[in-house]
Amino acid sequence: MGCGAGSIAIPLAQAGHPVIAADFSPAMLGTLDAGIEYYGLEDRITPLELAWDDDWGLVGPVAKAADVAFASRSVTTTDLKGALAKLDRTARRRCAVTMVANSSPRYDLHLMNAIGASVTCSNGFVYAFNILIQMGALPQVTYFESPRRDTFDSLEAGVADFSRMLEHGNEDKVDRLRDYIAQHMIENPHAGEPGSKGVPQGRYMLDHIRKVRWAFIAWEPVSESRS
């Protein structure tokens, strides 16, 4: 669920697994379709336009349609309990979600702390764990960190890029942000190479690696099996 352009669905299909790849975005599914055609996976991946808030009983996979149902960094809904229940309903053997376990991936926590900006950390993974306990599941949690490098071509380009983080009362920290970037920007040895989103990397980067902490929560389904 929340397959995006297929960063997980395509490797799973290439490994021989049939995959139902669901996403609410037609644009993402269009990119996925292109990947399916490119790799010749038409017989392995079934794209499905589906949102968390849809009635899965009408437009989602049938109950117990898959051995494993999971959402990797894509649980974006105001009804977390309902979302977890939908995954649980879909899986025969295993469910899993990956949720952020500190600040939003949009923020560089190291930078924000250095310039005295406030950051709200996410507790969604804690709520998910508690909800699963209430559902009767026995969730297992593993934490891991993913590194990110933000690159840019000039000081002002870096300030413009990182300024997106200065919200919710931090808008007055632009001058501190500029000073920090000026002091910590270094040459990027991989400038011009493809970046994480396919865009060429910029000439500069900061002298620290931005790390995002994630919680991987897995459980055995507790909903009744399809008869």
C-alpha atoms as a PDB file:
ATOM      1  CA  MET A   1       0.000   0.000   0.000  1.00  0.00           C
ATOM      2  CA  GLY A   2       1.441   3.358  -1.068  1.00  0.00           C
ATOM      3  CA  CYS A   3       3.660   1.703  -3.663  1.00  0.00           C
ATOM      4  CA  GLY A   4       4.637   4.952  -5.372  1.00  0.00           C
ATOM      5  CA  ALA A   5       6.685   4.349  -8.500  1.00  0.00           C
ATOM      6  CA  GLY A   6       7.439   0.761  -7.485  1.00  0.00           C
ATOM      7  CA  SER A   7      10.730   0.977  -5.573  1.00  0.00           C
ATOM      8  CA  ILE A   8       9.713  -2.125  -3.590  1.00  0.00           C
ATOM      9  CA  ALA A   9       7.065  -3.670  -5.853  1.00  0.00           C
ATOM     10  CA  ILE A  10       9.404  -4.038  -8.838  1.00  0.00           C
ATOM     11  CA  PRO A  11      12.236  -5.832  -6.962  1.00  0.00           C
ATOM     12  CA  LEU A  12       9.693  -8.157  -5.327  1.00  0.00           C
ATOM     13  CA  ALA A  13       8.232  -9.004  -8.713  1.00  0.00           C
ATOM     14  CA  GLN A  14      11.702  -9.516 -10.175  1.00  0.00           C
ATOM     15  CA  ALA A  15      12.331 -12.005  -7.361  1.00  0.00           C
ATOM     16  CA  GLY A  16       9.321 -13.992  -8.563  1.00  0.00           C
ATOM     17  CA  HIS A  17       6.571 -12.775  -6.250  1.00  0.00           C
ATOM     18  CA  PRO A  18       3.150 -11.674  -7.533  1.00  0.00           C
ATOM     19  CA  VAL A  19       2.440  -8.179  -6.190  1.00  0.00           C
ATOM     20  CA  ILE A  20      -0.672  -6.043  -5.785  1.00  0.00           C
ATOM     21  CA  ALA A  21       0.791  -2.525  -5.942  1.00  0.00           C
ATOM     22  CA  ALA A  22      -1.693   0.035  -4.602  1.00  0.00           C
ATOM     23  CA  ASP A  23      -1.437   3.823  -4.523  1.00  0.00           C
ATOM     24  CA  PHE A  24      -3.888   6.737  -4.463  1.00  0.00           C
ATOM     25  CA  SER A  25      -1.901   8.764  -7.021  1.00  0.00           C
ATOM     26  CA  PRO A  26      -2.618   8.181 -10.734  1.00  0.00           C
ATOM     27  CA  ALA A  27       0.703   9.907 -11.531  1.00  0.00           C
ATOM     28  CA  MET A  28       2.645   7.445  -9.392  1.00  0.00           C
ATOM     29  CA  LEU A  29       0.776   4.533 -10.898  1.00  0.00           C
ATOM     30  CA  GLY A  30       1.594   5.882 -14.347  1.00  0.00           C
ATOM     31  CA  THR A  31       5.300   5.817 -13.469  1.00  0.00           C
ATOM     32  CA  LEU A  32       4.851   2.319 -12.074  1.00  0.00           C
ATOM     33  CA  ASP A  33       3.189   1.213 -15.313  1.00  0.00           C
ATOM     34  CA  ALA A  34       6.224   2.434 -17.236  1.00  0.00           C
ATOM     35  CA  GLY A  35       8.505   0.425 -14.947  1.00  0.00           C
ATOM     36  CA  ILE A  36       6.351  -2.670 -15.316  1.00  0.00           C
ATOM     37  CA  GLU A  37       6.593  -2.403 -19.097  1.00  0.00           C
ATOM     38  CA  TYR A  38      10.323  -1.683 -19.038  1.00  0.00           C
ATOM     39  CA  TYR A  39      11.124  -4.742 -16.924  1.00  0.00           C
ATOM     40  CA  GLY A  40       8.495  -6.974 -18.509  1.00  0.00           C
ATOM     41  CA  LEU A  41       6.593  -7.588 -15.272  1.00  0.00           C
ATOM     42  CA  GLU A  42       3.037  -7.397 -16.586  1.00  0.00           C
ATOM     43  CA  ASP A  43       2.311 -10.911 -15.295  1.00  0.00           C
ATOM     44  CA  ARG A  44       3.722 -10.185 -11.824  1.00  0.00           C
ATOM     45  CA  ILE A  45       2.411  -6.765 -10.763  1.00  0.00           C
ATOM     46  CA  THR A  46      -1.240  -5.755 -10.527  1.00  0.00           C
ATOM     47  CA  PRO A  47      -1.521  -1.945 -10.110  1.00  0.00           C
ATOM     48  CA  LEU A  48      -4.478  -0.722  -8.095  1.00  0.00           C
ATOM     49  CA  GLU A  49      -5.641   2.867  -7.532  1.00  0.00           C
ATOM     50  CA  LEU A  50      -6.557   2.862  -3.855  1.00  0.00           C
ATOM     51  CA  ALA A  51      -6.546   5.366  -0.977  1.00  0.00           C
ATOM     52  CA  TRP A  52      -6.436   4.631   2.719  1.00  0.00           C
ATOM     53  CA  ASP A  53      -9.831   6.270   3.202  1.00  0.00           C
ATOM     54  CA  ASP A  54     -11.520   4.278   0.437  1.00  0.00           C
ATOM     55  CA  ASP A  55     -13.944   1.503   1.308  1.00  0.00           C
ATOM     56  CA  TRP A  56     -11.652  -1.465   0.777  1.00  0.00           C
ATOM     57  CA  GLY A  57     -14.649  -3.769   0.903  1.00  0.00           C
ATOM     58  CA  LEU A  58     -15.767  -2.212  -2.396  1.00  0.00           C
ATOM     59  CA  VAL A  59     -12.585  -1.181  -4.219  1.00  0.00           C
ATOM     60  CA  GLY A  60      -9.716  -2.792  -2.312  1.00  0.00           C
ATOM     61  CA  PRO A  61      -8.213  -6.268  -2.381  1.00  0.00           C
ATOM     62  CA  VAL A  62     -10.504  -9.013  -1.121  1.00  0.00           C
ATOM     63  CA  ALA A  63      -9.995 -10.229   2.442  1.00  0.00           C
ATOM     64  CA  LYS A  64      -6.867 -12.364   2.854  1.00  0.00           C
ATOM     65  CA  ALA A  65      -5.809 -11.603  -0.731  1.00  0.00           C
ATOM     66  CA  ALA A  66      -2.064 -11.691   0.011  1.00  0.00           C
ATOM     67  CA  ASP A  67       0.409 -13.545   2.195  1.00  0.00           C
ATOM     68  CA  VAL A  68       1.916 -10.221   3.285  1.00  0.00           C
ATOM     69  CA  ALA A  69       0.347  -6.751   3.377  1.00  0.00           C
ATOM     70  CA  PHE A  70       2.590  -3.799   4.136  1.00  0.00           C
ATOM     71  CA  ALA A  71       3.015  -0.049   3.837  1.00  0.00           C
ATOM     72  CA  SER A  72       6.548   1.303   3.723  1.00  0.00           C
ATOM     73  CA  ARG A  73       6.776   4.955   4.793  1.00  0.00           C
ATOM     74  CA  SER A  74       3.331   5.556   3.319  1.00  0.00           C
ATOM     75  CA  VAL A  75       0.843   5.495   6.191  1.00  0.00           C
ATOM     76  CA  THR A  76      -0.681   8.921   5.518  1.00  0.00           C
ATOM     77  CA  THR A  77      -4.168   8.960   6.974  1.00  0.00           C
ATOM     78  CA  THR A  78      -6.162  10.555   9.772  1.00  0.00           C
ATOM     79  CA  ASP A  79      -7.637   7.142  10.634  1.00  0.00           C
ATOM     80  CA  LEU A  80      -4.578   5.156  11.738  1.00  0.00           C
ATOM     81  CA  LYS A  81      -6.637   2.430  13.398  1.00  0.00           C
ATOM     82  CA  GLY A  82      -8.690   1.965  10.250  1.00  0.00           C
ATOM     83  CA  ALA A  83      -5.560   1.799   8.085  1.00  0.00           C
ATOM     84  CA  LEU A  84      -3.940  -0.857  10.263  1.00  0.00           C
ATOM     85  CA  ALA A  85      -7.171  -2.848  10.293  1.00  0.00           C
ATOM     86  CA  LYS A  86      -7.321  -2.745   6.486  1.00  0.00           C
ATOM     87  CA  LEU A  87      -3.815  -4.136   6.182  1.00  0.00           C
ATOM     88  CA  ASP A  88      -4.644  -6.766   8.778  1.00  0.00           C
ATOM     89  CA  ARG A  89      -7.780  -7.761   6.860  1.00  0.00           C
ATOM     90  CA  THR A  90      -5.826  -8.152   3.608  1.00  0.00           C
ATOM     91  CA  ALA A  91      -3.010 -10.407   4.866  1.00  0.00           C
ATOM     92  CA  ARG A  92      -2.987 -14.130   5.509  1.00  0.00           C
ATOM     93  CA  ARG A  93       0.405 -14.433   7.200  1.00  0.00           C
ATOM     94  CA  ARG A  94       2.107 -11.123   7.983  1.00  0.00           C
ATOM     95  CA  CYS A  95       1.566  -7.377   8.116  1.00  0.00           C
ATOM     96  CA  ALA A  96       4.110  -4.595   8.429  1.00  0.00           C
ATOM     97  CA  VAL A  97       4.399  -0.824   8.390  1.00  0.00           C
ATOM     98  CA  THR A  98       7.423   1.466   8.434  1.00  0.00           C
ATOM     99  CA  MET A  99       6.819   4.789  10.171  1.00  0.00           C
ATOM    100  CA  VAL A 100       9.081   7.690  11.068  1.00  0.00           C
ATOM    101  CA  ALA A 101      10.398   7.505  14.638  1.00  0.00           C
ATOM    102  CA  ASN A 102      11.773  10.992  15.208  1.00  0.00           C
ATOM    103  CA  SER A 103      11.209  14.180  13.218  1.00  0.00           C
ATOM    104  CA  SER A 104       9.575  14.236   9.801  1.00  0.00           C
ATOM    105  CA  PRO A 105      11.857  13.192   6.899  1.00  0.00           C
ATOM    106  CA  ARG A 106      11.307  16.728   5.619  1.00  0.00           C
ATOM    107  CA  TYR A 107      13.593  18.069   8.360  1.00  0.00           C
ATOM    108  CA  ASP A 108      17.322  17.904   8.964  1.00  0.00           C
ATOM    109  CA  LEU A 109      17.215  17.454  12.726  1.00  0.00           C
ATOM    110  CA  HIS A 110      20.944  18.131  13.153  1.00  0.00           C
ATOM    111  CA  LEU A 111      20.683  21.424  11.271  1.00  0.00           C
ATOM    112  CA  MET A 112      17.484  22.489  13.020  1.00  0.00           C
ATOM    113  CA  ASN A 113      19.019  21.923  16.458  1.00  0.00           C
ATOM    114  CA  ALA A 114      22.179  23.789  15.431  1.00  0.00           C
ATOM    115  CA  ILE A 115      20.264  26.950  14.498  1.00  0.00           C
ATOM    116  CA  GLY A 116      17.900  26.761  17.477  1.00  0.00           C
ATOM    117  CA  ALA A 117      14.785  25.928  15.486  1.00  0.00           C
ATOM    118  CA  SER A 118      11.970  23.942  17.063  1.00  0.00           C
ATOM    119  CA  VAL A 119      10.996  20.573  15.612  1.00  0.00           C
ATOM    120  CA  THR A 120       7.984  18.469  16.471  1.00  0.00           C
ATOM    121  CA  CYS A 121       8.803  14.763  16.590  1.00  0.00           C
ATOM    122  CA  SER A 122       6.309  12.212  15.369  1.00  0.00           C
ATOM    123  CA  ASN A 123       4.751   9.729  17.775  1.00  0.00           C
ATOM    124  CA  GLY A 124       2.652   8.003  15.142  1.00  0.00           C
ATOM    125  CA  PHE A 125       4.612   4.784  15.495  1.00  0.00           C
ATOM    126  CA  VAL A 126       3.822   4.702  19.232  1.00  0.00           C
ATOM    127  CA  TYR A 127       0.118   5.095  18.497  1.00  0.00           C
ATOM    128  CA  ALA A 128       0.349   2.333  15.879  1.00  0.00           C
ATOM    129  CA  PHE A 129       1.977  -0.023  18.381  1.00  0.00           C
ATOM    130  CA  ASN A 130      -0.682   0.688  21.005  1.00  0.00           C
ATOM    131  CA  ILE A 131      -3.513   0.316  18.500  1.00  0.00           C
ATOM    132  CA  LEU A 132      -2.173  -3.074  17.434  1.00  0.00           C
ATOM    133  CA  ILE A 133      -1.977  -4.210  21.053  1.00  0.00           C
ATOM    134  CA  GLN A 134      -5.615  -3.145  21.491  1.00  0.00           C
ATOM    135  CA  MET A 135      -6.504  -5.122  18.354  1.00  0.00           C
ATOM    136  CA  GLY A 136      -5.032  -8.236  19.955  1.00  0.00           C
ATOM    137  CA  ALA A 137      -1.816  -8.354  17.939  1.00  0.00           C
ATOM    138  CA  LEU A 138       1.708  -8.842  19.282  1.00  0.00           C
ATOM    139  CA  PRO A 139       3.683  -6.305  17.225  1.00  0.00           C
ATOM    140  CA  GLN A 140       7.441  -6.538  16.890  1.00  0.00           C
ATOM    141  CA  VAL A 141       9.426  -3.316  16.447  1.00  0.00           C
ATOM    142  CA  THR A 142      12.830  -2.795  14.858  1.00  0.00           C
ATOM    143  CA  TYR A 143      14.483   0.614  14.473  1.00  0.00           C
ATOM    144  CA  PHE A 144      16.829   1.654  11.698  1.00  0.00           C
ATOM    145  CA  GLU A 145      18.232   4.851  10.221  1.00  0.00           C
ATOM    146  CA  SER A 146      18.383   5.883   6.582  1.00  0.00           C
ATOM    147  CA  PRO A 147      21.027   8.426   5.504  1.00  0.00           C
ATOM    148  CA  ARG A 148      20.204  11.324   3.221  1.00  0.00           C
ATOM    149  CA  ARG A 149      22.431  13.811   1.449  1.00  0.00           C
ATOM    150  CA  ASP A 150      20.978  17.149   0.378  1.00  0.00           C
ATOM    151  CA  THR A 151      23.005  18.791  -2.389  1.00  0.00           C
ATOM    152  CA  PHE A 152      22.872  22.251  -3.942  1.00  0.00           C
ATOM    153  CA  ASP A 153      24.815  24.397  -6.428  1.00  0.00           C
ATOM    154  CA  SER A 154      25.385  27.587  -4.409  1.00  0.00           C
ATOM    155  CA  LEU A 155      24.936  29.087  -0.955  1.00  0.00           C
ATOM    156  CA  GLU A 156      21.729  30.859  -1.939  1.00  0.00           C
ATOM    157  CA  ALA A 157      20.368  27.697  -3.592  1.00  0.00           C
ATOM    158  CA  GLY A 158      21.061  25.817  -0.365  1.00  0.00           C
ATOM    159  CA  VAL A 159      19.323  28.493   1.699  1.00  0.00           C
ATOM    160  CA  ALA A 160      16.311  28.402  -0.625  1.00  0.00           C
ATOM    161  CA  ASP A 161      16.139  24.602  -0.396  1.00  0.00           C
ATOM    162  CA  PHE A 162      16.549  24.281   3.370  1.00  0.00           C
ATOM    163  CA  SER A 163      14.217  27.222   4.049  1.00  0.00           C
ATOM    164  CA  ARG A 164      11.326  24.841   3.405  1.00  0.00           C
ATOM    165  CA  MET A 165      12.055  23.456   6.878  1.00  0.00           C
ATOM    166  CA  LEU A 166      11.544  26.834   8.553  1.00  0.00           C
ATOM    167  CA  GLU A 167       7.847  26.762   9.336  1.00  0.00           C
ATOM    168  CA  HIS A 168       5.615  26.728  12.403  1.00  0.00           C
ATOM    169  CA  GLY A 169       7.356  29.643  14.101  1.00  0.00           C
ATOM    170  CA  ASN A 170      10.848  29.124  12.691  1.00  0.00           C
ATOM    171  CA  GLU A 171      10.506  31.578   9.816  1.00  0.00           C
ATOM    172  CA  ASP A 172      12.780  34.110  11.550  1.00  0.00           C
ATOM    173  CA  LYS A 173      15.752  31.708  11.501  1.00  0.00           C
ATOM    174  CA  VAL A 174      16.743  32.330   7.864  1.00  0.00           C
ATOM    175  CA  ASP A 175      19.849  34.355   8.755  1.00  0.00           C
ATOM    176  CA  ARG A 176      21.020  31.629  11.163  1.00  0.00           C
ATOM    177  CA  LEU A 177      20.337  29.073   8.452  1.00  0.00           C
ATOM    178  CA  ARG A 178      22.439  31.004   5.941  1.00  0.00           C
ATOM    179  CA  ASP A 179      25.323  31.323   8.421  1.00  0.00           C
ATOM    180  CA  TYR A 180      25.192  27.611   9.219  1.00  0.00           C
ATOM    181  CA  ILE A 181      25.207  26.546   5.565  1.00  0.00           C
ATOM    182  CA  ALA A 182      28.038  28.951   4.764  1.00  0.00           C
ATOM    183  CA  GLN A 183      30.150  27.424   7.539  1.00  0.00           C
ATOM    184  CA  HIS A 184      29.317  23.773   6.808  1.00  0.00           C
ATOM    185  CA  MET A 185      28.999  23.501   3.022  1.00  0.00           C
ATOM    186  CA  ILE A 186      31.671  21.373   1.348  1.00  0.00           C
ATOM    187  CA  GLU A 187      32.407  20.186  -2.169  1.00  0.00           C
ATOM    188  CA  ASN A 188      30.297  17.226  -3.264  1.00  0.00           C
ATOM    189  CA  PRO A 189      32.601  14.580  -4.796  1.00  0.00           C
ATOM    190  CA  HIS A 190      29.615  13.075  -6.620  1.00  0.00           C
ATOM    191  CA  ALA A 191      28.365  16.310  -8.219  1.00  0.00           C
ATOM    192  CA  GLY A 192      26.569  15.671 -11.481  1.00  0.00           C
ATOM    193  CA  GLU A 193      25.826  12.033 -10.707  1.00  0.00           C
ATOM    194  CA  PRO A 194      22.179  10.900 -10.431  1.00  0.00           C
ATOM    195  CA  GLY A 195      20.691  11.701  -7.029  1.00  0.00           C
ATOM    196  CA  SER A 196      18.153   9.745  -5.007  1.00  0.00           C
ATOM    197  CA  LYS A 197      15.294  11.174  -7.069  1.00  0.00           C
ATOM    198  CA  GLY A 198      17.045  10.878 -10.411  1.00  0.00           C
ATOM    199  CA  VAL A 199      18.049  14.570 -10.453  1.00  0.00           C
ATOM    200  CA  PRO A 200      21.768  15.324 -10.886  1.00  0.00           C
ATOM    201  CA  GLN A 201      23.491  16.033  -7.583  1.00  0.00           C
ATOM    202  CA  GLY A 202      24.561  19.588  -6.851  1.00  0.00           C
ATOM    203  CA  ARG A 203      28.068  20.956  -6.458  1.00  0.00           C
ATOM    204  CA  TYR A 204      27.892  21.286  -2.655  1.00  0.00           C
ATOM    205  CA  MET A 205      26.591  19.380   0.358  1.00  0.00           C
ATOM    206  CA  LEU A 206      26.695  19.817   4.114  1.00  0.00           C
ATOM    207  CA  ASP A 207      29.479  18.251   6.180  1.00  0.00           C
ATOM    208  CA  HIS A 208      27.097  15.954   8.053  1.00  0.00           C
ATOM    209  CA  ILE A 209      24.813  13.174   6.899  1.00  0.00           C
ATOM    210  CA  ARG A 210      21.129  13.719   7.575  1.00  0.00           C
ATOM    211  CA  LYS A 211      19.682  10.650   9.250  1.00  0.00           C
ATOM    212  CA  VAL A 212      16.023   9.713   9.499  1.00  0.00           C
ATOM    213  CA  ARG A 213      15.059   7.139  12.126  1.00  0.00           C
ATOM    214  CA  TRP A 214      12.307   4.675  11.248  1.00  0.00           C
ATOM    215  CA  ALA A 215      10.292   2.103  13.170  1.00  0.00           C
ATOM    216  CA  PHE A 216       9.530  -1.147  11.352  1.00  0.00           C
ATOM    217  CA  ILE A 217       6.460  -2.705  12.984  1.00  0.00           C
ATOM    218  CA  ALA A 218       5.400  -6.218  12.007  1.00  0.00           C
ATOM    219  CA  TRP A 219       2.632  -8.476  13.256  1.00  0.00           C
ATOM    220  CA  GLU A 220       0.633 -11.584  12.474  1.00  0.00           C
ATOM    221  CA  PRO A 221      -2.916 -10.781  11.300  1.00  0.00           C
ATOM    222  CA  VAL A 222      -5.598 -11.040  13.964  1.00  0.00           C
ATOM    223  CA  SER A 223      -8.668 -10.702  11.721  1.00  0.00           C
ATOM    224  CA  GLU A 224     -10.522 -13.871  10.842  1.00  0.00           C
ATOM    225  CA  SER A 225      -9.394 -15.826   7.816  1.00  0.00           C
ATOM    226  CA  ARG A 226     -11.595 -16.001   4.771  1.00  0.00           C
ATOM    227  CA  SER A 227     -13.651 -19.158   4.769  1.00  0.00           C
END
